[in-house]
N, C-alpha and C. Protein backbone atom coordinates (compact mmCIF):
# COMPACT_ATOMS: atom_id res chain seq x y z
N UNK A 1 34.46 5.56 34.56
CA UNK A 1 34.06 4.83 33.39
C UNK A 1 32.86 5.50 32.71
N UNK A 2 31.89 5.97 33.54
CA UNK A 2 30.72 6.63 32.98
C UNK A 2 31.10 7.93 32.29
N UNK A 3 32.10 8.63 32.84
CA UNK A 3 32.54 9.88 32.22
C UNK A 3 33.18 9.60 30.86
N UNK A 4 33.95 8.53 30.77
CA UNK A 4 34.62 8.18 29.52
C UNK A 4 33.59 7.84 28.44
N UNK A 5 32.55 7.10 28.79
CA UNK A 5 31.50 6.76 27.84
C UNK A 5 30.75 8.02 27.41
N UNK A 6 30.47 8.90 28.34
CA UNK A 6 29.77 10.15 28.02
C UNK A 6 30.60 11.03 27.10
N UNK A 7 31.88 11.18 27.40
CA UNK A 7 32.76 12.02 26.58
C UNK A 7 32.92 11.40 25.19
N UNK A 8 33.06 10.10 25.12
CA UNK A 8 33.20 9.43 23.83
C UNK A 8 31.93 9.59 23.01
N UNK A 9 30.79 9.45 23.64
CA UNK A 9 29.52 9.62 22.94
C UNK A 9 29.36 11.04 22.43
N UNK A 10 29.72 12.02 23.24
CA UNK A 10 29.64 13.41 22.80
C UNK A 10 30.58 13.70 21.65
N UNK A 11 31.78 13.16 21.68
CA UNK A 11 32.74 13.38 20.60
C UNK A 11 32.23 12.75 19.31
N UNK A 12 31.70 11.53 19.39
CA UNK A 12 31.17 10.86 18.20
C UNK A 12 29.98 11.63 17.65
N UNK A 13 29.13 12.12 18.53
CA UNK A 13 27.98 12.92 18.11
C UNK A 13 28.41 14.20 17.42
N UNK A 14 29.41 14.88 17.97
CA UNK A 14 29.89 16.13 17.39
C UNK A 14 30.54 15.89 16.03
N UNK A 15 31.22 14.79 15.88
CA UNK A 15 31.87 14.49 14.61
C UNK A 15 30.87 14.04 13.55
N UNK A 16 29.78 13.42 13.98
CA UNK A 16 28.81 12.92 13.01
C UNK A 16 27.87 14.00 12.51
N UNK A 17 27.76 15.10 13.20
CA UNK A 17 26.89 16.18 12.76
C UNK A 17 27.60 16.94 11.65
N UNK A 18 26.95 16.99 10.50
CA UNK A 18 27.52 17.67 9.35
C UNK A 18 26.77 18.99 9.17
N UNK A 19 27.42 20.08 9.44
CA UNK A 19 26.79 21.39 9.33
C UNK A 19 27.27 22.02 8.04
N UNK A 20 26.32 22.46 7.23
CA UNK A 20 26.69 23.15 6.00
C UNK A 20 25.84 24.41 5.90
N UNK A 21 26.42 25.44 5.38
CA UNK A 21 25.75 26.72 5.24
C UNK A 21 25.58 27.03 3.76
N UNK A 22 24.50 27.68 3.46
CA UNK A 22 24.24 28.10 2.09
C UNK A 22 23.89 29.58 2.12
N UNK A 23 24.59 30.33 1.33
CA UNK A 23 24.36 31.77 1.25
C UNK A 23 23.70 32.07 -0.09
N UNK A 24 22.38 32.07 -0.08
CA UNK A 24 21.62 32.33 -1.29
C UNK A 24 21.13 33.77 -1.27
N UNK A 25 21.39 34.47 -2.35
CA UNK A 25 20.95 35.85 -2.44
C UNK A 25 19.48 35.94 -2.85
N UNK A 26 19.11 35.21 -3.89
CA UNK A 26 17.76 35.30 -4.42
C UNK A 26 17.34 33.93 -4.94
N UNK A 27 16.05 33.61 -4.77
CA UNK A 27 15.52 32.36 -5.27
C UNK A 27 14.61 32.70 -6.44
N UNK A 28 14.88 32.12 -7.59
CA UNK A 28 14.09 32.37 -8.78
C UNK A 28 12.94 31.36 -8.82
N UNK A 29 11.73 31.83 -8.58
CA UNK A 29 10.56 30.95 -8.57
C UNK A 29 9.82 30.96 -9.90
N UNK A 30 10.34 31.62 -10.88
CA UNK A 30 9.69 31.71 -12.18
C UNK A 30 9.52 30.36 -12.85
N UNK A 31 10.45 29.46 -12.64
CA UNK A 31 10.35 28.14 -13.27
C UNK A 31 9.27 27.28 -12.65
N UNK A 32 8.85 27.58 -11.46
CA UNK A 32 7.89 26.73 -10.76
C UNK A 32 6.46 27.23 -10.85
N UNK A 33 6.20 28.33 -11.52
CA UNK A 33 4.84 28.87 -11.61
C UNK A 33 3.92 27.96 -12.41
N UNK A 34 4.44 27.24 -13.38
CA UNK A 34 3.59 26.37 -14.19
C UNK A 34 3.08 25.17 -13.41
N UNK A 35 3.73 24.83 -12.32
CA UNK A 35 3.29 23.68 -11.52
C UNK A 35 1.94 23.98 -10.86
N UNK A 36 1.74 25.20 -10.43
CA UNK A 36 0.56 25.55 -9.66
C UNK A 36 -0.55 26.17 -10.48
N UNK A 37 -0.45 26.19 -11.77
CA UNK A 37 -1.52 26.76 -12.58
C UNK A 37 -2.58 25.70 -12.85
N UNK A 38 -3.82 26.15 -13.03
CA UNK A 38 -4.91 25.23 -13.32
C UNK A 38 -5.18 25.16 -14.82
N UNK A 39 -4.29 25.69 -15.61
CA UNK A 39 -4.46 25.68 -17.05
C UNK A 39 -4.35 24.26 -17.57
N UNK A 40 -5.29 23.84 -18.37
CA UNK A 40 -5.28 22.49 -18.90
C UNK A 40 -5.97 21.47 -18.00
N UNK A 41 -6.37 21.88 -16.83
CA UNK A 41 -7.05 20.98 -15.90
C UNK A 41 -8.53 21.29 -15.96
N UNK A 42 -9.36 20.25 -15.97
CA UNK A 42 -10.80 20.48 -16.06
C UNK A 42 -11.29 21.18 -14.80
N UNK A 43 -12.18 22.10 -15.00
CA UNK A 43 -12.72 22.89 -13.90
C UNK A 43 -13.80 22.08 -13.19
N UNK A 44 -13.67 21.95 -11.88
CA UNK A 44 -14.62 21.16 -11.11
C UNK A 44 -16.02 21.75 -11.13
N UNK A 45 -16.09 23.05 -11.12
CA UNK A 45 -17.41 23.69 -11.07
C UNK A 45 -18.19 23.44 -12.35
N UNK A 46 -17.51 23.44 -13.50
CA UNK A 46 -18.22 23.22 -14.76
C UNK A 46 -18.72 21.79 -14.87
N UNK A 47 -17.89 20.84 -14.46
CA UNK A 47 -18.27 19.43 -14.61
C UNK A 47 -19.31 19.00 -13.59
N UNK A 48 -19.09 19.33 -12.34
CA UNK A 48 -19.98 18.83 -11.30
C UNK A 48 -21.04 19.85 -10.91
N UNK A 49 -20.86 21.09 -11.27
CA UNK A 49 -21.81 22.12 -10.89
C UNK A 49 -23.18 21.92 -11.49
N UNK A 50 -23.21 21.50 -12.75
CA UNK A 50 -24.50 21.30 -13.42
C UNK A 50 -25.26 20.15 -12.77
N UNK A 51 -24.55 19.04 -12.54
CA UNK A 51 -25.20 17.88 -11.92
C UNK A 51 -25.65 18.20 -10.50
N UNK A 52 -24.81 18.92 -9.76
CA UNK A 52 -25.17 19.27 -8.39
C UNK A 52 -26.38 20.20 -8.36
N UNK A 53 -26.45 21.14 -9.27
CA UNK A 53 -27.62 22.03 -9.33
C UNK A 53 -28.89 21.27 -9.65
N UNK A 54 -28.80 20.31 -10.57
CA UNK A 54 -29.99 19.52 -10.92
C UNK A 54 -30.45 18.71 -9.72
N UNK A 55 -29.50 18.08 -9.02
CA UNK A 55 -29.85 17.27 -7.84
C UNK A 55 -30.47 18.16 -6.76
N UNK A 56 -29.91 19.35 -6.55
CA UNK A 56 -30.47 20.25 -5.54
C UNK A 56 -31.88 20.71 -5.90
N UNK A 57 -32.09 21.04 -7.16
CA UNK A 57 -33.41 21.51 -7.59
C UNK A 57 -34.45 20.40 -7.48
N UNK A 58 -34.10 19.20 -7.96
CA UNK A 58 -35.05 18.08 -7.88
C UNK A 58 -35.32 17.71 -6.43
N UNK A 59 -34.27 17.65 -5.61
CA UNK A 59 -34.45 17.32 -4.19
C UNK A 59 -35.28 18.35 -3.46
N UNK A 60 -35.05 19.61 -3.77
CA UNK A 60 -35.86 20.66 -3.14
C UNK A 60 -37.31 20.56 -3.54
N UNK A 61 -37.56 20.30 -4.83
CA UNK A 61 -38.93 20.17 -5.31
C UNK A 61 -39.65 18.99 -4.67
N UNK A 62 -38.96 17.86 -4.60
CA UNK A 62 -39.58 16.68 -3.99
C UNK A 62 -39.84 16.92 -2.51
N UNK A 63 -38.92 17.55 -1.82
CA UNK A 63 -39.12 17.79 -0.38
C UNK A 63 -40.27 18.77 -0.14
N UNK A 64 -40.41 19.77 -0.98
CA UNK A 64 -41.51 20.72 -0.81
C UNK A 64 -42.84 20.04 -1.09
N UNK A 65 -42.89 19.22 -2.14
CA UNK A 65 -44.14 18.51 -2.46
C UNK A 65 -44.52 17.55 -1.33
N UNK A 66 -43.52 16.84 -0.78
CA UNK A 66 -43.79 15.92 0.33
C UNK A 66 -44.24 16.68 1.57
N UNK A 67 -43.64 17.84 1.82
CA UNK A 67 -44.04 18.65 2.97
C UNK A 67 -45.48 19.15 2.81
N UNK A 68 -45.83 19.58 1.62
CA UNK A 68 -47.21 20.03 1.37
C UNK A 68 -48.19 18.88 1.56
N UNK A 69 -47.83 17.69 1.04
CA UNK A 69 -48.72 16.53 1.18
C UNK A 69 -48.89 16.15 2.65
N UNK A 70 -47.80 16.15 3.41
CA UNK A 70 -47.91 15.84 4.84
C UNK A 70 -48.70 16.90 5.59
N UNK A 71 -48.54 18.14 5.21
CA UNK A 71 -49.29 19.23 5.84
C UNK A 71 -50.78 19.13 5.60
N UNK A 72 -51.14 18.85 4.35
CA UNK A 72 -52.57 18.70 4.03
C UNK A 72 -53.15 17.49 4.75
N UNK A 73 -52.39 16.40 4.76
CA UNK A 73 -52.87 15.19 5.44
C UNK A 73 -53.04 15.44 6.94
N UNK A 74 -52.11 16.23 7.52
CA UNK A 74 -52.18 16.53 8.95
C UNK A 74 -53.41 17.39 9.26
N UNK A 75 -53.66 18.37 8.41
CA UNK A 75 -54.78 19.28 8.67
C UNK A 75 -56.13 18.61 8.48
N UNK A 76 -56.23 17.64 7.59
CA UNK A 76 -57.51 17.01 7.30
C UNK A 76 -57.75 15.73 8.09
N UNK A 77 -56.80 15.34 8.92
CA UNK A 77 -56.95 14.07 9.63
C UNK A 77 -57.52 14.25 11.02
N UNK A 78 -57.99 13.14 11.56
CA UNK A 78 -58.52 13.15 12.92
C UNK A 78 -57.36 13.11 13.92
N UNK A 79 -57.65 13.34 15.20
CA UNK A 79 -56.56 13.36 16.20
C UNK A 79 -55.74 12.07 16.26
N UNK A 80 -56.36 10.94 16.05
CA UNK A 80 -55.59 9.69 16.10
C UNK A 80 -54.70 9.54 14.86
N UNK A 81 -55.18 10.05 13.73
CA UNK A 81 -54.36 9.99 12.51
C UNK A 81 -53.24 11.04 12.52
N UNK A 82 -53.44 12.10 13.29
CA UNK A 82 -52.40 13.13 13.39
C UNK A 82 -51.14 12.58 14.03
N UNK A 83 -51.30 11.65 14.96
CA UNK A 83 -50.13 11.02 15.58
C UNK A 83 -49.36 10.20 14.55
N UNK A 84 -50.08 9.56 13.64
CA UNK A 84 -49.44 8.79 12.57
C UNK A 84 -48.66 9.71 11.63
N UNK A 85 -49.24 10.86 11.32
CA UNK A 85 -48.55 11.83 10.45
C UNK A 85 -47.31 12.37 11.14
N UNK A 86 -47.40 12.59 12.45
CA UNK A 86 -46.24 13.08 13.20
C UNK A 86 -45.10 12.07 13.19
N UNK A 87 -45.44 10.78 13.25
CA UNK A 87 -44.38 9.76 13.21
C UNK A 87 -43.72 9.71 11.83
N UNK A 88 -44.49 10.02 10.79
CA UNK A 88 -43.90 10.09 9.44
C UNK A 88 -43.07 11.36 9.26
N UNK A 89 -43.35 12.35 10.05
CA UNK A 89 -42.65 13.63 9.92
C UNK A 89 -41.20 13.56 10.42
N UNK A 90 -40.92 12.73 11.41
CA UNK A 90 -39.56 12.63 11.98
C UNK A 90 -38.55 12.13 10.94
N UNK A 91 -38.80 11.00 10.22
CA UNK A 91 -37.83 10.60 9.19
C UNK A 91 -37.73 11.60 8.05
N UNK A 92 -38.85 12.29 7.77
CA UNK A 92 -38.83 13.31 6.73
C UNK A 92 -37.86 14.43 7.09
N UNK A 93 -37.95 14.93 8.30
CA UNK A 93 -37.07 16.02 8.75
C UNK A 93 -35.61 15.56 8.77
N UNK A 94 -35.35 14.35 9.23
CA UNK A 94 -33.99 13.83 9.25
C UNK A 94 -33.46 13.70 7.82
N UNK A 95 -34.29 13.22 6.90
CA UNK A 95 -33.88 13.10 5.50
C UNK A 95 -33.58 14.45 4.86
N UNK A 96 -34.40 15.44 5.17
CA UNK A 96 -34.18 16.78 4.62
C UNK A 96 -32.86 17.36 5.15
N UNK A 97 -32.60 17.18 6.43
CA UNK A 97 -31.35 17.68 7.02
C UNK A 97 -30.14 17.00 6.37
N UNK A 98 -30.23 15.69 6.17
CA UNK A 98 -29.13 14.96 5.54
C UNK A 98 -28.95 15.40 4.10
N UNK A 99 -30.05 15.53 3.36
CA UNK A 99 -29.96 15.92 1.94
C UNK A 99 -29.33 17.29 1.77
N UNK A 100 -29.88 18.29 2.46
CA UNK A 100 -29.34 19.64 2.30
C UNK A 100 -27.94 19.77 2.89
N UNK A 101 -27.67 19.05 3.96
CA UNK A 101 -26.32 19.07 4.52
C UNK A 101 -25.31 18.46 3.56
N UNK A 102 -25.66 17.35 2.93
CA UNK A 102 -24.75 16.70 2.00
C UNK A 102 -24.53 17.54 0.75
N UNK A 103 -25.59 18.11 0.21
CA UNK A 103 -25.42 18.92 -1.00
C UNK A 103 -24.61 20.18 -0.72
N UNK A 104 -24.81 20.78 0.44
CA UNK A 104 -24.00 21.95 0.79
C UNK A 104 -22.56 21.56 1.09
N UNK A 105 -22.35 20.38 1.66
CA UNK A 105 -20.99 19.91 1.91
C UNK A 105 -20.24 19.67 0.61
N UNK A 106 -20.92 19.10 -0.38
CA UNK A 106 -20.28 18.89 -1.69
C UNK A 106 -19.94 20.22 -2.32
N UNK A 107 -20.82 21.20 -2.20
CA UNK A 107 -20.56 22.53 -2.75
C UNK A 107 -19.34 23.16 -2.07
N UNK A 108 -19.23 23.02 -0.75
CA UNK A 108 -18.07 23.58 -0.04
C UNK A 108 -16.78 22.88 -0.43
N UNK A 109 -16.83 21.57 -0.64
CA UNK A 109 -15.63 20.82 -1.04
C UNK A 109 -15.19 21.27 -2.42
N UNK A 110 -16.13 21.48 -3.34
CA UNK A 110 -15.78 21.94 -4.68
C UNK A 110 -15.15 23.32 -4.62
N UNK A 111 -15.72 24.24 -3.85
CA UNK A 111 -15.13 25.58 -3.74
C UNK A 111 -13.76 25.54 -3.09
N UNK A 112 -13.60 24.66 -2.11
CA UNK A 112 -12.30 24.52 -1.45
C UNK A 112 -11.26 23.95 -2.41
N UNK A 113 -11.67 22.96 -3.22
CA UNK A 113 -10.74 22.34 -4.16
C UNK A 113 -10.36 23.31 -5.28
N UNK A 114 -11.28 24.18 -5.66
CA UNK A 114 -10.96 25.16 -6.71
C UNK A 114 -9.97 26.21 -6.23
N UNK A 115 -9.90 26.41 -4.91
CA UNK A 115 -9.01 27.43 -4.37
C UNK A 115 -7.54 27.05 -4.52
N UNK A 116 -7.28 25.78 -4.74
CA UNK A 116 -5.87 25.35 -4.85
C UNK A 116 -5.44 25.20 -6.26
């Protein structure tokens, strides 16, 4: 009985498989070139590049000014106040890492998106 079920299943499987062959000599891709062109599409670098550059320049300037202010405060403070400046330095460094990491990540995403 098991052999009959197996043979019947194999026969049904073989009959249900539809095999077709295609003999193509050449594929004309000329009609599909317009799909992948960026003509008529706004350029990401032009639109977002200016804003990103402004944000990077302003952020860099603010971070440098804050670093100079913390440095001067650290050098002119007493030993007990130096510990306070050091505690303010930790969030500053984390913020700088996040800011520059995010701005560079956006730049990489824009370059990656322009590649397609």
